[in-house]
Amino acid sequence: MPESRYRIIAYVHRRADIYRISAEKLTHINYAFGKVSEDGDVIVDERNAPAHLSQLQALKAKNPKLKVILSIGGWGADNFSLAAFNATTRKRFAAGAIALIKRFALDGLDLDWEYPGQPGPGIMYLAEDKENFTALLKTLREQLDALSDERRRTGRDRYTLSIATAGGVYFQHTEMDRLHPYVDWINIMAYDFAGDWSKTTTHHAGLFGLIPYPSAEGFVKQHLAAGIPSRKLVLGAPLYGRAWCGVRPTNNGLHQPVEDYVGGFPYSVLVRDYIDRNGFKRHWDRSAHAPFLWNSKSGIFITYEDPQSMREKATFVKQHNLGGVMYWEHSEDPDEILLTTLYETLR
């Protein structure tokens, strides 16, 4: 199998049917999630995680170049501030991470701290997170490099370190201009621009956007402005949609006030029950390069990704010499319609 110029990274959660995954279409799998304990240790506390990680390793029979990575954190994951607090806690965190790499034969680590220096759902945060996050990545980089040297892993086989990032205020609470030398690449979570907090409908992962709507392009530009090399940037995309009800019918429901948030829908469910079905009609927003569904009878609006928008994002990655595409989360498109689109466009 030829080496890919672009990374195609799947976040895989415990819901995924691992044996069905087309490993030959991926370069990396980020298994979600490891956690940080109250003592600042990295732990894998999901009961079936060891079996899942073993199943992921078995996928290397289909693609020997596939890399299996442990992603640590996720939305609502606490205790990162404690782990990053000082040199002692950072070394403890790194030692635990290295132990898990050895135990599960992993190829690297991905830190999904949501978010340094910002309040989340009940999580602890500190103003010092800004500098401590950089210091934590430096410590991890040193330990991963030492392990690579010890095990004579060279080139693309060296242990990797990546992070998941956002845009906007995320940059006010991180040192993106200083931390990027310590990571191999950055997974930009260019989605969830809209949700249950939104007062009007919009695209939750639009490639382009007009103020005040954020966009994938806007997030990428913010990373580039911090001096991060373009090849280190991996553009994130969602395999799920978001829906609102009580939407004003103007403009097929786009950028209109809402009464309530309905919820999220996996792409597989959208294909089965919603896209040009049951009163829902697909529309394409040429300015955002994004699809949406509108049901004029029920007043329900759904923002989502489809093959056309995925092709647009993969093309954007190529045009701007970015490092590839990642997506959340594999189980939401088990037939791999969107993955196949990414693979065919990037490869």
C-alpha atoms as a PDB file:
ATOM      1  CA  MET A   1       0.000   0.000   0.000  1.00  0.00           C
ATOM      2  CA  PRO A   2       1.551   3.382  -0.993  1.00  0.00           C
ATOM      3  CA  GLU A   3       2.243   5.928   1.738  1.00  0.00           C
ATOM      4  CA  SER A   4      -0.518   8.509   1.949  1.00  0.00           C
ATOM      5  CA  ARG A   5       0.360  12.167   1.519  1.00  0.00           C
ATOM      6  CA  TYR A   6      -2.641  12.990   3.715  1.00  0.00           C
ATOM      7  CA  ARG A   7      -3.717  11.680   7.097  1.00  0.00           C
ATOM      8  CA  ILE A   8      -7.211  10.210   7.349  1.00  0.00           C
ATOM      9  CA  ILE A   9      -7.906   9.876  11.068  1.00  0.00           C
ATOM     10  CA  ALA A  10     -10.961   8.198  12.579  1.00  0.00           C
ATOM     11  CA  TYR A  11     -12.026   8.760  16.142  1.00  0.00           C
ATOM     12  CA  VAL A  12     -13.412   5.399  17.244  1.00  0.00           C
ATOM     13  CA  HIS A  13     -15.632   5.195  20.310  1.00  0.00           C
ATOM     14  CA  ARG A  14     -16.825   2.084  22.104  1.00  0.00           C
ATOM     15  CA  ARG A  15     -20.014   1.995  19.997  1.00  0.00           C
ATOM     16  CA  ALA A  16     -18.140   1.231  16.785  1.00  0.00           C
ATOM     17  CA  ASP A  17     -18.219  -2.205  15.133  1.00  0.00           C
ATOM     18  CA  ILE A  18     -14.448  -2.426  14.963  1.00  0.00           C
ATOM     19  CA  TYR A  19     -14.234  -5.512  12.759  1.00  0.00           C
ATOM     20  CA  ARG A  20     -16.148  -3.682   9.988  1.00  0.00           C
ATOM     21  CA  ILE A  21     -13.698  -0.797   9.815  1.00  0.00           C
ATOM     22  CA  SER A  22     -11.949  -0.486   6.431  1.00  0.00           C
ATOM     23  CA  ALA A  23      -8.465  -0.100   7.839  1.00  0.00           C
ATOM     24  CA  GLU A  24      -6.995   0.305   4.363  1.00  0.00           C
ATOM     25  CA  LYS A  25      -8.827   3.649   4.027  1.00  0.00           C
ATOM     26  CA  LEU A  26      -7.319   5.074   7.220  1.00  0.00           C
ATOM     27  CA  THR A  27      -3.875   6.188   8.323  1.00  0.00           C
ATOM     28  CA  HIS A  28      -4.673   6.561  12.042  1.00  0.00           C
ATOM     29  CA  ILE A  29      -7.322   5.544  14.551  1.00  0.00           C
ATOM     30  CA  ASN A  30      -7.786   7.601  17.717  1.00  0.00           C
ATOM     31  CA  TYR A  31      -9.453   5.390  20.318  1.00  0.00           C
ATOM     32  CA  ALA A  32     -11.726   7.458  22.570  1.00  0.00           C
ATOM     33  CA  PHE A  33     -11.195   7.873  25.423  1.00  0.00           C
ATOM     34  CA  GLY A  34      -8.610   7.537  28.096  1.00  0.00           C
ATOM     35  CA  LYS A  35      -9.270   9.703  31.156  1.00  0.00           C
ATOM     36  CA  VAL A  36      -7.326  11.607  33.788  1.00  0.00           C
ATOM     37  CA  SER A  37      -7.877  10.398  37.351  1.00  0.00           C
ATOM     38  CA  GLU A  38      -8.199  12.691  40.381  1.00  0.00           C
ATOM     39  CA  ASP A  39      -4.593  11.772  41.146  1.00  0.00           C
ATOM     40  CA  GLY A  40      -3.494  13.025  37.726  1.00  0.00           C
ATOM     41  CA  ASP A  41      -2.859   9.572  36.271  1.00  0.00           C
ATOM     42  CA  VAL A  42      -3.843   8.530  32.759  1.00  0.00           C
ATOM     43  CA  ILE A  43      -6.327   5.678  33.025  1.00  0.00           C
ATOM     44  CA  VAL A  44      -8.411   3.508  30.738  1.00  0.00           C
ATOM     45  CA  ASP A  45     -11.477   2.822  32.862  1.00  0.00           C
ATOM     46  CA  GLU A  46     -13.942   1.588  30.234  1.00  0.00           C
ATOM     47  CA  ARG A  47     -14.499  -2.128  30.951  1.00  0.00           C
ATOM     48  CA  ASN A  48     -14.230  -3.232  27.323  1.00  0.00           C
ATOM     49  CA  ALA A  49     -11.385  -0.908  26.338  1.00  0.00           C
ATOM     50  CA  PRO A  50      -8.630  -3.581  26.474  1.00  0.00           C
ATOM     51  CA  ALA A  51     -10.646  -5.814  24.135  1.00  0.00           C
ATOM     52  CA  HIS A  52     -11.389  -2.889  21.817  1.00  0.00           C
ATOM     53  CA  LEU A  53      -7.731  -1.896  21.648  1.00  0.00           C
ATOM     54  CA  SER A  54      -6.819  -5.495  20.848  1.00  0.00           C
ATOM     55  CA  GLN A  55      -9.396  -5.507  18.034  1.00  0.00           C
ATOM     56  CA  LEU A  56      -7.969  -2.265  16.676  1.00  0.00           C
ATOM     57  CA  GLN A  57      -4.478  -3.743  16.658  1.00  0.00           C
ATOM     58  CA  ALA A  58      -5.841  -6.680  14.655  1.00  0.00           C
ATOM     59  CA  LEU A  59      -6.814  -4.243  11.899  1.00  0.00           C
ATOM     60  CA  LYS A  60      -3.104  -3.878  11.135  1.00  0.00           C
ATOM     61  CA  ALA A  61      -3.369  -7.242   9.360  1.00  0.00           C
ATOM     62  CA  LYS A  62      -5.394  -5.339   6.733  1.00  0.00           C
ATOM     63  CA  ASN A  63      -3.187  -2.243   6.821  1.00  0.00           C
ATOM     64  CA  PRO A  64       0.278  -2.709   8.379  1.00  0.00           C
ATOM     65  CA  LYS A  65       0.868   1.063   8.216  1.00  0.00           C
ATOM     66  CA  LEU A  66      -2.189   1.859  10.339  1.00  0.00           C
ATOM     67  CA  LYS A  67      -1.367   3.652  13.591  1.00  0.00           C
ATOM     68  CA  VAL A  68      -3.470   3.106  16.720  1.00  0.00           C
ATOM     69  CA  ILE A  69      -3.511   6.035  19.138  1.00  0.00           C
ATOM     70  CA  LEU A  70      -5.119   6.576  22.535  1.00  0.00           C
ATOM     71  CA  SER A  71      -7.073   9.821  22.747  1.00  0.00           C
ATOM     72  CA  ILE A  72      -7.261  11.174  26.290  1.00  0.00           C
ATOM     73  CA  GLY A  73     -10.070  13.483  27.411  1.00  0.00           C
ATOM     74  CA  GLY A  74     -13.203  14.451  25.487  1.00  0.00           C
ATOM     75  CA  TRP A  75     -16.116  16.715  26.367  1.00  0.00           C
ATOM     76  CA  GLY A  76     -16.610  16.865  30.129  1.00  0.00           C
ATOM     77  CA  ALA A  77     -13.336  15.090  30.968  1.00  0.00           C
ATOM     78  CA  ASP A  78     -11.921  16.583  34.149  1.00  0.00           C
ATOM     79  CA  ASN A  79      -8.581  16.734  35.998  1.00  0.00           C
ATOM     80  CA  PHE A  80      -6.369  17.992  33.147  1.00  0.00           C
ATOM     81  CA  SER A  81      -5.618  21.105  35.205  1.00  0.00           C
ATOM     82  CA  LEU A  82      -4.375  18.893  38.042  1.00  0.00           C
ATOM     83  CA  ALA A  83      -2.222  16.797  35.706  1.00  0.00           C
ATOM     84  CA  ALA A  84      -0.619  19.855  34.099  1.00  0.00           C
ATOM     85  CA  PHE A  85      -0.246  21.821  37.356  1.00  0.00           C
ATOM     86  CA  ASN A  86       3.507  21.518  37.982  1.00  0.00           C
ATOM     87  CA  ALA A  87       6.612  19.582  36.927  1.00  0.00           C
ATOM     88  CA  THR A  88       5.879  16.729  39.350  1.00  0.00           C
ATOM     89  CA  THR A  89       2.292  16.192  38.178  1.00  0.00           C
ATOM     90  CA  ARG A  90       3.310  16.488  34.530  1.00  0.00           C
ATOM     91  CA  LYS A  91       5.977  13.817  34.919  1.00  0.00           C
ATOM     92  CA  ARG A  92       3.469  11.560  36.669  1.00  0.00           C
ATOM     93  CA  PHE A  93       0.959  12.028  33.838  1.00  0.00           C
ATOM     94  CA  ALA A  94       3.621  11.310  31.203  1.00  0.00           C
ATOM     95  CA  ALA A  95       4.822   8.193  33.029  1.00  0.00           C
ATOM     96  CA  GLY A  96       1.271   6.829  33.133  1.00  0.00           C
ATOM     97  CA  ALA A  97       0.808   7.583  29.442  1.00  0.00           C
ATOM     98  CA  ILE A  98       4.029   5.788  28.535  1.00  0.00           C
ATOM     99  CA  ALA A  99       2.927   2.787  30.602  1.00  0.00           C
ATOM    100  CA  LEU A 100      -0.317   2.581  28.606  1.00  0.00           C
ATOM    101  CA  ILE A 101       1.588   2.800  25.310  1.00  0.00           C
ATOM    102  CA  LYS A 102       3.665  -0.180  26.400  1.00  0.00           C
ATOM    103  CA  ARG A 103       0.703  -2.122  27.761  1.00  0.00           C
ATOM    104  CA  PHE A 104      -1.498  -1.771  24.667  1.00  0.00           C
ATOM    105  CA  ALA A 105       1.239  -1.515  21.983  1.00  0.00           C
ATOM    106  CA  LEU A 106       0.011   1.946  20.988  1.00  0.00           C
ATOM    107  CA  ASP A 107       1.623   4.192  18.387  1.00  0.00           C
ATOM    108  CA  GLY A 108       0.989   7.518  20.052  1.00  0.00           C
ATOM    109  CA  LEU A 109      -1.161   9.811  22.173  1.00  0.00           C
ATOM    110  CA  ASP A 110      -3.828  12.396  21.382  1.00  0.00           C
ATOM    111  CA  LEU A 111      -4.810  14.984  24.013  1.00  0.00           C
ATOM    112  CA  ASP A 112      -8.403  16.169  23.754  1.00  0.00           C
ATOM    113  CA  TRP A 113      -8.514  18.725  26.577  1.00  0.00           C
ATOM    114  CA  GLU A 114     -11.854  20.562  26.275  1.00  0.00           C
ATOM    115  CA  TYR A 115     -10.712  23.197  27.172  1.00  0.00           C
ATOM    116  CA  PRO A 116      -7.646  24.696  28.878  1.00  0.00           C
ATOM    117  CA  GLY A 117      -8.527  27.742  30.960  1.00  0.00           C
ATOM    118  CA  GLN A 118     -12.252  27.538  30.215  1.00  0.00           C
ATOM    119  CA  PRO A 119     -15.230  26.262  32.181  1.00  0.00           C
ATOM    120  CA  GLY A 120     -16.853  23.086  30.920  1.00  0.00           C
ATOM    121  CA  PRO A 121     -19.598  20.829  32.300  1.00  0.00           C
ATOM    122  CA  GLY A 122     -18.488  20.820  35.931  1.00  0.00           C
ATOM    123  CA  ILE A 123     -14.767  20.586  35.226  1.00  0.00           C
ATOM    124  CA  MET A 124     -11.973  22.319  37.114  1.00  0.00           C
ATOM    125  CA  TYR A 125      -9.937  24.928  35.254  1.00  0.00           C
ATOM    126  CA  LEU A 126      -7.198  27.416  36.115  1.00  0.00           C
ATOM    127  CA  ALA A 127      -5.831  30.594  34.561  1.00  0.00           C
ATOM    128  CA  GLU A 128      -2.437  28.864  34.662  1.00  0.00           C
ATOM    129  CA  ASP A 129      -3.726  26.208  32.242  1.00  0.00           C
ATOM    130  CA  LYS A 130      -2.482  28.401  29.402  1.00  0.00           C
ATOM    131  CA  GLU A 131       1.198  27.945  30.208  1.00  0.00           C
ATOM    132  CA  ASN A 132       0.786  24.558  31.887  1.00  0.00           C
ATOM    133  CA  PHE A 133      -0.735  23.002  28.755  1.00  0.00           C
ATOM    134  CA  THR A 134       2.392  23.908  26.801  1.00  0.00           C
ATOM    135  CA  ALA A 135       4.603  22.518  29.568  1.00  0.00           C
ATOM    136  CA  LEU A 136       2.590  19.269  29.653  1.00  0.00           C
ATOM    137  CA  LEU A 137       3.034  18.787  25.908  1.00  0.00           C
ATOM    138  CA  LYS A 138       6.771  19.475  26.231  1.00  0.00           C
ATOM    139  CA  THR A 139       7.053  16.809  28.934  1.00  0.00           C
ATOM    140  CA  LEU A 140       5.103  14.285  26.868  1.00  0.00           C
ATOM    141  CA  ARG A 141       7.201  15.037  23.782  1.00  0.00           C
ATOM    142  CA  GLU A 142      10.413  14.383  25.706  1.00  0.00           C
ATOM    143  CA  GLN A 143       9.135  11.082  27.112  1.00  0.00           C
ATOM    144  CA  LEU A 144       7.758   9.884  23.760  1.00  0.00           C
ATOM    145  CA  ASP A 145      11.003  10.744  22.001  1.00  0.00           C
ATOM    146  CA  ALA A 146      12.984   8.908  24.666  1.00  0.00           C
ATOM    147  CA  LEU A 147      10.820   5.812  24.192  1.00  0.00           C
ATOM    148  CA  SER A 148      11.195   6.037  20.408  1.00  0.00           C
ATOM    149  CA  ASP A 149      14.973   6.196  20.803  1.00  0.00           C
ATOM    150  CA  GLU A 150      15.003   3.343  23.311  1.00  0.00           C
ATOM    151  CA  ARG A 151      12.997   1.127  20.952  1.00  0.00           C
ATOM    152  CA  ARG A 152      14.822   2.346  17.821  1.00  0.00           C
ATOM    153  CA  ARG A 153      11.608   3.560  16.218  1.00  0.00           C
ATOM    154  CA  THR A 154      12.537   5.934  13.414  1.00  0.00           C
ATOM    155  CA  GLY A 155      10.788   8.068  10.814  1.00  0.00           C
ATOM    156  CA  ARG A 156       7.046   7.517  10.594  1.00  0.00           C
ATOM    157  CA  ASP A 157       7.268   4.803  13.263  1.00  0.00           C
ATOM    158  CA  ARG A 158       8.267   7.200  16.044  1.00  0.00           C
ATOM    159  CA  TYR A 159       5.649   7.650  18.762  1.00  0.00           C
ATOM    160  CA  THR A 160       3.391  10.566  17.915  1.00  0.00           C
ATOM    161  CA  LEU A 161       1.710  13.297  19.923  1.00  0.00           C
ATOM    162  CA  SER A 162      -1.338  15.176  18.677  1.00  0.00           C
ATOM    163  CA  ILE A 163      -3.976  17.444  20.196  1.00  0.00           C
ATOM    164  CA  ALA A 164      -7.593  18.284  19.399  1.00  0.00           C
ATOM    165  CA  THR A 165      -8.218  22.031  19.202  1.00  0.00           C
ATOM    166  CA  ALA A 166     -10.967  24.547  18.548  1.00  0.00           C
ATOM    167  CA  GLY A 167     -10.898  28.157  17.379  1.00  0.00           C
ATOM    168  CA  GLY A 168     -12.183  31.503  18.606  1.00  0.00           C
ATOM    169  CA  VAL A 169     -11.639  32.002  22.341  1.00  0.00           C
ATOM    170  CA  TYR A 170      -9.643  28.739  22.478  1.00  0.00           C
ATOM    171  CA  PHE A 171      -6.632  30.767  21.327  1.00  0.00           C
ATOM    172  CA  GLN A 172      -6.985  33.207  24.215  1.00  0.00           C
ATOM    173  CA  HIS A 173      -6.421  30.384  26.708  1.00  0.00           C
ATOM    174  CA  THR A 174      -3.619  28.477  24.934  1.00  0.00           C
ATOM    175  CA  GLU A 175      -0.157  29.257  23.595  1.00  0.00           C
ATOM    176  CA  MET A 176      -0.701  27.885  20.108  1.00  0.00           C
ATOM    177  CA  ASP A 177       2.286  29.837  18.770  1.00  0.00           C
ATOM    178  CA  ARG A 178       4.536  28.163  21.353  1.00  0.00           C
ATOM    179  CA  LEU A 179       3.119  24.651  21.789  1.00  0.00           C
ATOM    180  CA  HIS A 180       2.963  23.453  18.185  1.00  0.00           C
ATOM    181  CA  PRO A 181       6.650  22.373  17.971  1.00  0.00           C
ATOM    182  CA  TYR A 182       5.876  19.675  20.550  1.00  0.00           C
ATOM    183  CA  VAL A 183       3.089  18.005  18.541  1.00  0.00           C
ATOM    184  CA  ASP A 184       3.180  16.065  15.281  1.00  0.00           C
ATOM    185  CA  TRP A 185      -0.171  17.410  14.139  1.00  0.00           C
ATOM    186  CA  ILE A 186      -3.289  19.203  15.354  1.00  0.00           C
ATOM    187  CA  ASN A 187      -6.846  17.902  14.931  1.00  0.00           C
ATOM    188  CA  ILE A 188      -9.039  20.987  14.429  1.00  0.00           C
ATOM    189  CA  MET A 189     -12.561  20.340  15.724  1.00  0.00           C
ATOM    190  CA  ALA A 190     -14.231  22.398  13.002  1.00  0.00           C
ATOM    191  CA  TYR A 191     -17.743  21.399  13.986  1.00  0.00           C
ATOM    192  CA  ASP A 192     -20.356  22.015  16.686  1.00  0.00           C
ATOM    193  CA  PHE A 193     -20.540  25.639  15.544  1.00  0.00           C
ATOM    194  CA  ALA A 194     -24.240  25.366  16.458  1.00  0.00           C
ATOM    195  CA  GLY A 195     -26.256  23.266  18.887  1.00  0.00           C
ATOM    196  CA  ASP A 196     -28.762  23.331  21.724  1.00  0.00           C
ATOM    197  CA  TRP A 197     -27.529  26.822  22.712  1.00  0.00           C
ATOM    198  CA  SER A 198     -28.271  28.351  19.293  1.00  0.00           C
ATOM    199  CA  LYS A 199     -31.049  30.906  18.827  1.00  0.00           C
ATOM    200  CA  THR A 200     -31.047  30.596  15.037  1.00  0.00           C
ATOM    201  CA  THR A 201     -30.339  27.819  12.558  1.00  0.00           C
ATOM    202  CA  THR A 202     -26.954  27.626  10.849  1.00  0.00           C
ATOM    203  CA  HIS A 203     -24.417  25.052   9.675  1.00  0.00           C
ATOM    204  CA  HIS A 204     -22.691  23.276  12.517  1.00  0.00           C
ATOM    205  CA  ALA A 205     -19.676  22.485  10.336  1.00  0.00           C
ATOM    206  CA  GLY A 206     -19.782  24.866   7.381  1.00  0.00           C
ATOM    207  CA  LEU A 207     -16.593  25.060   5.336  1.00  0.00           C
ATOM    208  CA  PHE A 208     -17.038  28.789   4.778  1.00  0.00           C
ATOM    209  CA  GLY A 209     -19.018  31.316   6.787  1.00  0.00           C
ATOM    210  CA  LEU A 210     -19.971  34.945   7.094  1.00  0.00           C
ATOM    211  CA  ILE A 211     -19.656  36.829  10.400  1.00  0.00           C
ATOM    212  CA  PRO A 212     -21.077  36.069  12.972  1.00  0.00           C
ATOM    213  CA  TYR A 213     -21.045  32.413  11.874  1.00  0.00           C
ATOM    214  CA  PRO A 214     -17.782  30.519  12.487  1.00  0.00           C
ATOM    215  CA  SER A 215     -16.430  28.228   9.793  1.00  0.00           C
ATOM    216  CA  ALA A 216     -13.842  25.545   9.149  1.00  0.00           C
ATOM    217  CA  GLU A 217     -11.906  27.991   6.986  1.00  0.00           C
ATOM    218  CA  GLY A 218     -11.933  30.536   9.823  1.00  0.00           C
ATOM    219  CA  PHE A 219     -10.541  28.011  12.307  1.00  0.00           C
ATOM    220  CA  VAL A 220      -7.800  26.975   9.861  1.00  0.00           C
ATOM    221  CA  LYS A 221      -6.809  30.599   9.238  1.00  0.00           C
ATOM    222  CA  GLN A 222      -6.571  31.194  12.978  1.00  0.00           C
ATOM    223  CA  HIS A 223      -4.161  28.264  13.325  1.00  0.00           C
ATOM    224  CA  LEU A 224      -2.056  29.412  10.371  1.00  0.00           C
ATOM    225  CA  ALA A 225      -1.872  32.942  11.826  1.00  0.00           C
ATOM    226  CA  ALA A 226      -0.263  31.454  14.953  1.00  0.00           C
ATOM    227  CA  GLY A 227       2.637  30.285  12.809  1.00  0.00           C
ATOM    228  CA  ILE A 228       1.662  26.611  12.721  1.00  0.00           C
ATOM    229  CA  PRO A 229       2.896  24.842   9.562  1.00  0.00           C
ATOM    230  CA  SER A 230      -0.027  23.956   7.291  1.00  0.00           C
ATOM    231  CA  ARG A 231       1.004  20.290   7.069  1.00  0.00           C
ATOM    232  CA  LYS A 232       0.494  19.987  10.830  1.00  0.00           C
ATOM    233  CA  LEU A 233      -3.188  20.951  10.515  1.00  0.00           C
ATOM    234  CA  VAL A 234      -5.782  18.197  10.181  1.00  0.00           C
ATOM    235  CA  LEU A 235      -9.297  19.418   9.422  1.00  0.00           C
ATOM    236  CA  GLY A 236     -12.057  17.851  11.526  1.00  0.00           C
ATOM    237  CA  ALA A 237     -15.490  16.880  10.206  1.00  0.00           C
ATOM    238  CA  PRO A 238     -18.574  15.398  11.933  1.00  0.00           C
ATOM    239  CA  LEU A 239     -20.460  12.263  10.919  1.00  0.00           C
ATOM    240  CA  TYR A 240     -23.667  13.544  12.537  1.00  0.00           C
ATOM    241  CA  GLY A 241     -26.218  16.287  12.086  1.00  0.00           C
ATOM    242  CA  ARG A 242     -28.066  18.648  14.432  1.00  0.00           C
ATOM    243  CA  ALA A 243     -31.745  19.569  14.273  1.00  0.00           C
ATOM    244  CA  TRP A 244     -34.079  22.347  15.466  1.00  0.00           C
ATOM    245  CA  CYS A 245     -37.861  22.659  15.404  1.00  0.00           C
ATOM    246  CA  GLY A 246     -40.281  25.575  15.262  1.00  0.00           C
ATOM    247  CA  VAL A 247     -38.140  27.182  12.593  1.00  0.00           C
ATOM    248  CA  ARG A 248     -39.399  30.155  10.571  1.00  0.00           C
ATOM    249  CA  PRO A 249     -39.912  29.021   6.924  1.00  0.00           C
ATOM    250  CA  THR A 250     -38.030  31.922   5.299  1.00  0.00           C
ATOM    251  CA  ASN A 251     -34.988  30.878   3.208  1.00  0.00           C
ATOM    252  CA  ASN A 252     -35.894  27.168   3.654  1.00  0.00           C
ATOM    253  CA  GLY A 253     -35.230  27.557   7.378  1.00  0.00           C
ATOM    254  CA  LEU A 254     -31.594  28.660   7.068  1.00  0.00           C
ATOM    255  CA  HIS A 255     -30.422  31.419   9.475  1.00  0.00           C
ATOM    256  CA  GLN A 256     -33.905  31.607  11.024  1.00  0.00           C
ATOM    257  CA  PRO A 257     -35.072  31.796  14.664  1.00  0.00           C
ATOM    258  CA  VAL A 258     -35.840  28.479  16.386  1.00  0.00           C
ATOM    259  CA  GLU A 259     -38.217  27.408  19.123  1.00  0.00           C
ATOM    260  CA  ASP A 260     -36.282  24.399  20.368  1.00  0.00           C
ATOM    261  CA  TYR A 261     -33.332  22.102  19.750  1.00  0.00           C
ATOM    262  CA  VAL A 262     -34.335  18.588  18.681  1.00  0.00           C
ATOM    263  CA  GLY A 263     -31.009  16.744  18.988  1.00  0.00           C
ATOM    264  CA  GLY A 264     -28.268  15.028  17.033  1.00  0.00           C
ATOM    265  CA  PHE A 265     -28.608  12.365  14.349  1.00  0.00           C
ATOM    266  CA  PRO A 266     -25.931   9.958  13.065  1.00  0.00           C
ATOM    267  CA  TYR A 267     -25.371  10.180   9.317  1.00  0.00           C
ATOM    268  CA  SER A 268     -26.634   6.597   8.916  1.00  0.00           C
ATOM    269  CA  VAL A 269     -29.983   7.604  10.441  1.00  0.00           C
ATOM    270  CA  LEU A 270     -30.184  10.691   8.236  1.00  0.00           C
ATOM    271  CA  VAL A 271     -29.665   8.525   5.137  1.00  0.00           C
ATOM    272  CA  ARG A 272     -32.277   6.022   6.267  1.00  0.00           C
ATOM    273  CA  ASP A 273     -35.017   8.358   7.463  1.00  0.00           C
ATOM    274  CA  TYR A 274     -34.424  11.995   6.519  1.00  0.00           C
ATOM    275  CA  ILE A 275     -32.441  12.850   3.384  1.00  0.00           C
ATOM    276  CA  ASP A 276     -35.129  13.442   0.727  1.00  0.00           C
ATOM    277  CA  ARG A 277     -37.488  11.279   2.806  1.00  0.00           C
ATOM    278  CA  ASN A 278     -40.515  11.838   5.035  1.00  0.00           C
ATOM    279  CA  GLY A 279     -41.013  15.446   3.969  1.00  0.00           C
ATOM    280  CA  PHE A 280     -37.377  16.488   4.319  1.00  0.00           C
ATOM    281  CA  LYS A 281     -35.724  18.039   1.272  1.00  0.00           C
ATOM    282  CA  ARG A 282     -31.968  18.412   0.838  1.00  0.00           C
ATOM    283  CA  HIS A 283     -30.650  21.877   0.008  1.00  0.00           C
ATOM    284  CA  TRP A 284     -27.126  23.120  -0.748  1.00  0.00           C
ATOM    285  CA  ASP A 285     -25.768  26.396   0.594  1.00  0.00           C
ATOM    286  CA  ARG A 286     -23.309  27.551  -2.074  1.00  0.00           C
ATOM    287  CA  SER A 287     -21.757  30.202   0.178  1.00  0.00           C
ATOM    288  CA  ALA A 288     -21.000  27.840   3.061  1.00  0.00           C
ATOM    289  CA  HIS A 289     -20.388  24.783   0.832  1.00  0.00           C
ATOM    290  CA  ALA A 290     -22.678  22.828   3.149  1.00  0.00           C
ATOM    291  CA  PRO A 291     -25.920  20.833   2.846  1.00  0.00           C
ATOM    292  CA  PHE A 292     -29.006  21.101   5.028  1.00  0.00           C
ATOM    293  CA  LEU A 293     -32.442  19.507   5.298  1.00  0.00           C
ATOM    294  CA  TRP A 294     -35.708  21.405   5.539  1.00  0.00           C
ATOM    295  CA  ASN A 295     -39.178  20.063   6.288  1.00  0.00           C
ATOM    296  CA  SER A 296     -41.703  22.785   5.467  1.00  0.00           C
ATOM    297  CA  LYS A 297     -44.576  20.898   7.100  1.00  0.00           C
ATOM    298  CA  SER A 298     -42.968  20.211  10.467  1.00  0.00           C
ATOM    299  CA  GLY A 299     -40.715  23.283  10.514  1.00  0.00           C
ATOM    300  CA  ILE A 300     -37.646  21.151  11.285  1.00  0.00           C
ATOM    301  CA  PHE A 301     -34.184  22.157  10.042  1.00  0.00           C
ATOM    302  CA  ILE A 302     -31.183  19.787  10.062  1.00  0.00           C
ATOM    303  CA  THR A 303     -27.536  20.711   9.489  1.00  0.00           C
ATOM    304  CA  TYR A 304     -25.210  17.841   8.541  1.00  0.00           C
ATOM    305  CA  GLU A 305     -22.373  16.597   6.292  1.00  0.00           C
ATOM    306  CA  ASP A 306     -22.789  14.568   3.101  1.00  0.00           C
ATOM    307  CA  PRO A 307     -20.497  13.277   0.327  1.00  0.00           C
ATOM    308  CA  GLN A 308     -20.542  16.609  -1.520  1.00  0.00           C
ATOM    309  CA  SER A 309     -19.472  18.614   1.537  1.00  0.00           C
ATOM    310  CA  MET A 310     -16.834  16.000   2.422  1.00  0.00           C
ATOM    311  CA  ARG A 311     -15.394  16.254  -1.100  1.00  0.00           C
ATOM    312  CA  GLU A 312     -15.312  20.023  -0.702  1.00  0.00           C
ATOM    313  CA  LYS A 313     -13.416  19.726   2.584  1.00  0.00           C
ATOM    314  CA  ALA A 314     -10.934  17.204   1.200  1.00  0.00           C
ATOM    315  CA  THR A 315     -10.354  19.485  -1.793  1.00  0.00           C
ATOM    316  CA  PHE A 316      -9.848  22.427   0.580  1.00  0.00           C
ATOM    317  CA  VAL A 317      -7.219  20.374   2.431  1.00  0.00           C
ATOM    318  CA  LYS A 318      -5.359  19.710  -0.820  1.00  0.00           C
ATOM    319  CA  GLN A 319      -5.602  23.296  -2.043  1.00  0.00           C
ATOM    320  CA  HIS A 320      -4.202  24.683   1.219  1.00  0.00           C
ATOM    321  CA  ASN A 321      -1.548  21.975   1.715  1.00  0.00           C
ATOM    322  CA  LEU A 322      -3.038  20.841   5.022  1.00  0.00           C
ATOM    323  CA  GLY A 323      -2.153  17.568   6.705  1.00  0.00           C
ATOM    324  CA  GLY A 324      -5.404  15.673   6.173  1.00  0.00           C
ATOM    325  CA  VAL A 325      -8.872  15.100   7.613  1.00  0.00           C
ATOM    326  CA  MET A 326     -10.141  13.568  10.853  1.00  0.00           C
ATOM    327  CA  TYR A 327     -13.716  12.770  11.773  1.00  0.00           C
ATOM    328  CA  TRP A 328     -15.898  12.094  14.799  1.00  0.00           C
ATOM    329  CA  GLU A 329     -17.107   9.393  15.109  1.00  0.00           C
ATOM    330  CA  HIS A 330     -16.839   6.179  13.101  1.00  0.00           C
ATOM    331  CA  SER A 331     -19.942   4.383  14.401  1.00  0.00           C
ATOM    332  CA  GLU A 332     -22.201   7.145  13.058  1.00  0.00           C
ATOM    333  CA  ASP A 333     -21.495   6.110   9.460  1.00  0.00           C
ATOM    334  CA  PRO A 334     -20.967   2.328   9.669  1.00  0.00           C
ATOM    335  CA  ASP A 335     -21.385   1.912   5.891  1.00  0.00           C
ATOM    336  CA  GLU A 336     -18.444   4.307   5.504  1.00  0.00           C
ATOM    337  CA  ILE A 337     -20.112   6.440   2.851  1.00  0.00           C
ATOM    338  CA  LEU A 338     -18.353   9.585   4.054  1.00  0.00           C
ATOM    339  CA  LEU A 339     -15.043   7.845   4.793  1.00  0.00           C
ATOM    340  CA  THR A 340     -14.998   6.414   1.277  1.00  0.00           C
ATOM    341  CA  THR A 341     -15.592   9.901  -0.128  1.00  0.00           C
ATOM    342  CA  LEU A 342     -12.627  11.249   1.853  1.00  0.00           C
ATOM    343  CA  TYR A 343     -10.427   8.339   0.817  1.00  0.00           C
ATOM    344  CA  GLU A 344     -11.226   8.651  -2.871  1.00  0.00           C
ATOM    345  CA  THR A 345     -10.714  12.428  -2.851  1.00  0.00           C
ATOM    346  CA  LEU A 346      -7.476  12.454  -0.854  1.00  0.00           C
ATOM    347  CA  ARG A 347      -5.881   9.321  -2.300  1.00  0.00           C
END
